[in-house]
Structure formats: structure tokens, C-alpha cells
Amino acid sequence: MPATPPTRTEWLLAVAILGLITAAVVTDDASAAHAVIACGFGVGLAALLLVARRWPVPALLATAAGILGYYALDLPPVGVAAPAAAILYVVAERGRVVPAAVVGGSLLAVSVAARLVEGDDTSVVIGAGLGSEAALMLAVIALGDAVRNRRSLRAALARQAAAAAEERRREAAREVEAERIRIAREVHDTLGHTMSVITLQSAVAREALTDAEPEQVDTALAAIQSVSGSAMAELRATLGTLRREPGPRAPAPGFAQLGTLVDGVRRGGLPVELRVDGPVDALPTVVGSTVYRIVQEALTNVVRHAQATRVTVTIRATPARLSVEIIDDGRGSATGAAGEPGEGLRGMSERVALLGGTLDAADVAGGGFRVSVRLPLAGAAA
């Protein structure tokens, strides 16, 4: 039991007990010796009440013994329930309802037995006297228990509110983290692909300048300008989301932009074959955006690492499933090719996992690398 100081209520009850016994001494016209002893009992009972919060049951038993001793010395009568009521309340309020009820009942039983032995009227002792004192004891015990229950309820509600606030804070942190990861994926995919295409087209332009082929230089520079503009548009859209700028947002790239994406890689000199089987135009936007980013990242990895001479992109759609497969004939992951674990594959895996799909990335027998994605379409958000 934690050591806590007496409350204001307990101080008032202690003063009331001392005042009750003092009043009994004054009105009873007791002798000086009895008056001093009675006041000593009053101080003792008040002191026991003040320590009852820390030691409820010992204080209760000591109070009961003090009340019995008070009457054994034939001191001015103050009743049994009145001096015991305060300690019974405090003990019940501390959660010791059963000991309070047992001790209170025992005091009443001893009091009734003693009064009957002394020859008091049975009807008075068992009737009005017992009923009133029992009612007082039951009332203070019930009040103490009710106060404790209300305090426990408030504490439980406070804990629930604190837990709810902490859960809201964690949920907000999770949302921020998820948004941070999403933006990191978008920036990585957009800028990574753009820089790869720019690097490839720059090499083409440099060779064309060396070979004095101005048409190829113009084509390469036009490709650089086009992919740079697209990247800037996507980057502005991402920054606008971060800044929460008003106004319409550019639609996320999807199946309709795959042809443009593939053409940009082809213009860099890497042959890319795009095959689309099945209806994809009516698929949810999030599916189209995910497929676009996966193909974009896979082609970026091929351009950067694979030293491939050909890439095949195959998309097959059925009512229940969508599959995407990107295969190149390059060096494979064993020598640091397209399947090398890194931000690209991690980002693709995260995108696929958000839609409940699976991603496999592995070397192809005989050379090359394959990225294979399976996305369930049932229940996909539009």
C-alpha cells in the first residue's frame, strides 16, 4: 500500500471524532480522571483514523479494540456506530469492504450483548438502537466503497484516454512514415529513370557528335528534353502534395503511358518489346500506376546495370489476376546486373505488397534477369 498523507476529509473526520468524545465528556459531567482518559481515547481514535489510509486493517482492528476498551472503562457513552463510522468509511474506501463489514458487525454484536447483560430494555436495544447503528455502519461502508469504485472508474477512463491518445499518436506516426516511404519511392523511380535515360541519350549524342551525325544528336537531345520535362512535372506534383497546394493534381501515370515510357528507352538504343494481353484499360488506377512504376524501375535497372541487348515486357490481364514480366538478356544479378538488391527492388516489392501481390526477381538460365509480378485484381481499389 503506497504511503499517502491523510486527505482533507480524513482530517475533518478525525476532528469530528475528537469533538464527539469531548462533547460526551462535557455533557456527561464526568470526573476529571474519566474526562482525561476519555479525551485520551479520542486523540487515539483520531490518530488511528489518520494512519488508516496507509494501514487500513490494523487501524480498523485497533479502533475496534479502543472502542471496546472505552466502554470497558465505563467512560461517557458515545455509541458504537458513531466513533466507528469514520474508520469504516476510510477502510472501505481503501478497498477493504469485507474486513470493515466483519468488524462493524462484531462491534454491534458485542454492544448488543453487553447492553442486554446490563439489563437494558430488549425492545430498545434490538429495535431502534440496533437498527439505527447498523444502518449507519452499512451506509458509511457503502459510501466508502462507492467512492473507491468511482475513483477506479475515473482512473480507468483516464488510462483508456491516454492509451487512445498514444494509439492516435502512433497511427499518425505510421501514416507519416508510410507517406515518407511512398514519396521516397516516387522520387527514386522518377529521377532514377530520368537520369538513366539522360545518361544513355547523352552517350548517344556524344557518339553522334564524334561521327558528325547531327540528326542523331537532335534526336538524343529531344529525348533528353522530353524525359526531363516529364520528370519535372512529376517532381512538381510530388512537391505539391508535400506542400498541400490546392488545385487539381496531374493523373498518376498508368497503362496509357507505358508506350511513351518504352519509346524513351528505345530511343536510347535499347530494343524493348512491349506485349499487353487482356483488357487493362478498365483496371483500377492504383494497379495501372503500380505496373507503370514497376516497368519503369525494371527498365531503369536494365539501362544502368545489365548491358543487355534486348528487353521484353509482357503484361497479361485476367479477371482475377494481372501478371507483369520483364526479361532482359544482360549479365544477370551475379555480376551486379538489374536484379541487384537495392532501393529499386525494395521499392517494387513494397508497391506490390500494398496490393497483396508477389514479386520474384532472379537470373534467367543462359543469361539475363527476370522480374515477375503477380497482382490479384479481386477487391483492388479503383
Foldseek 3Di string as FASTA:
>chain_A
DDDDFADPVLLVLLVVLLVLLQVLCVVVVDDPVLNVVSSVLSNVLSVLSRCCLVVLLVSLVVNLVSVVVNVVVVHRDRADLSSNLSSLLSSLLSVNLPSSVVSLVVSLVVVLVVCVVVPPDNCVSPPPVSVVSVVSSVVSSVVSNVNNVVVVVVVVVVVVVVVVVVVVVVVVVVVVVVLVLVLVLLLCLLVLLLVLLLVLLVVQLVVCVVVVNVVSVVLSVVLNVVSVVVSVLSVVLSVCVVVVPDDDGDQQAFPVCQVVLQVSLVSSPAAEAEEEADDDPPADSLVRNLLSSLVSLLSSQQSVFFPFRYKYWYWYDDLWKIKIKIKTQGAWPVVPGSPPDDPSVVSSQVSQVVQVKDWDWGADPPGIIMIMIMGTRVPDDD
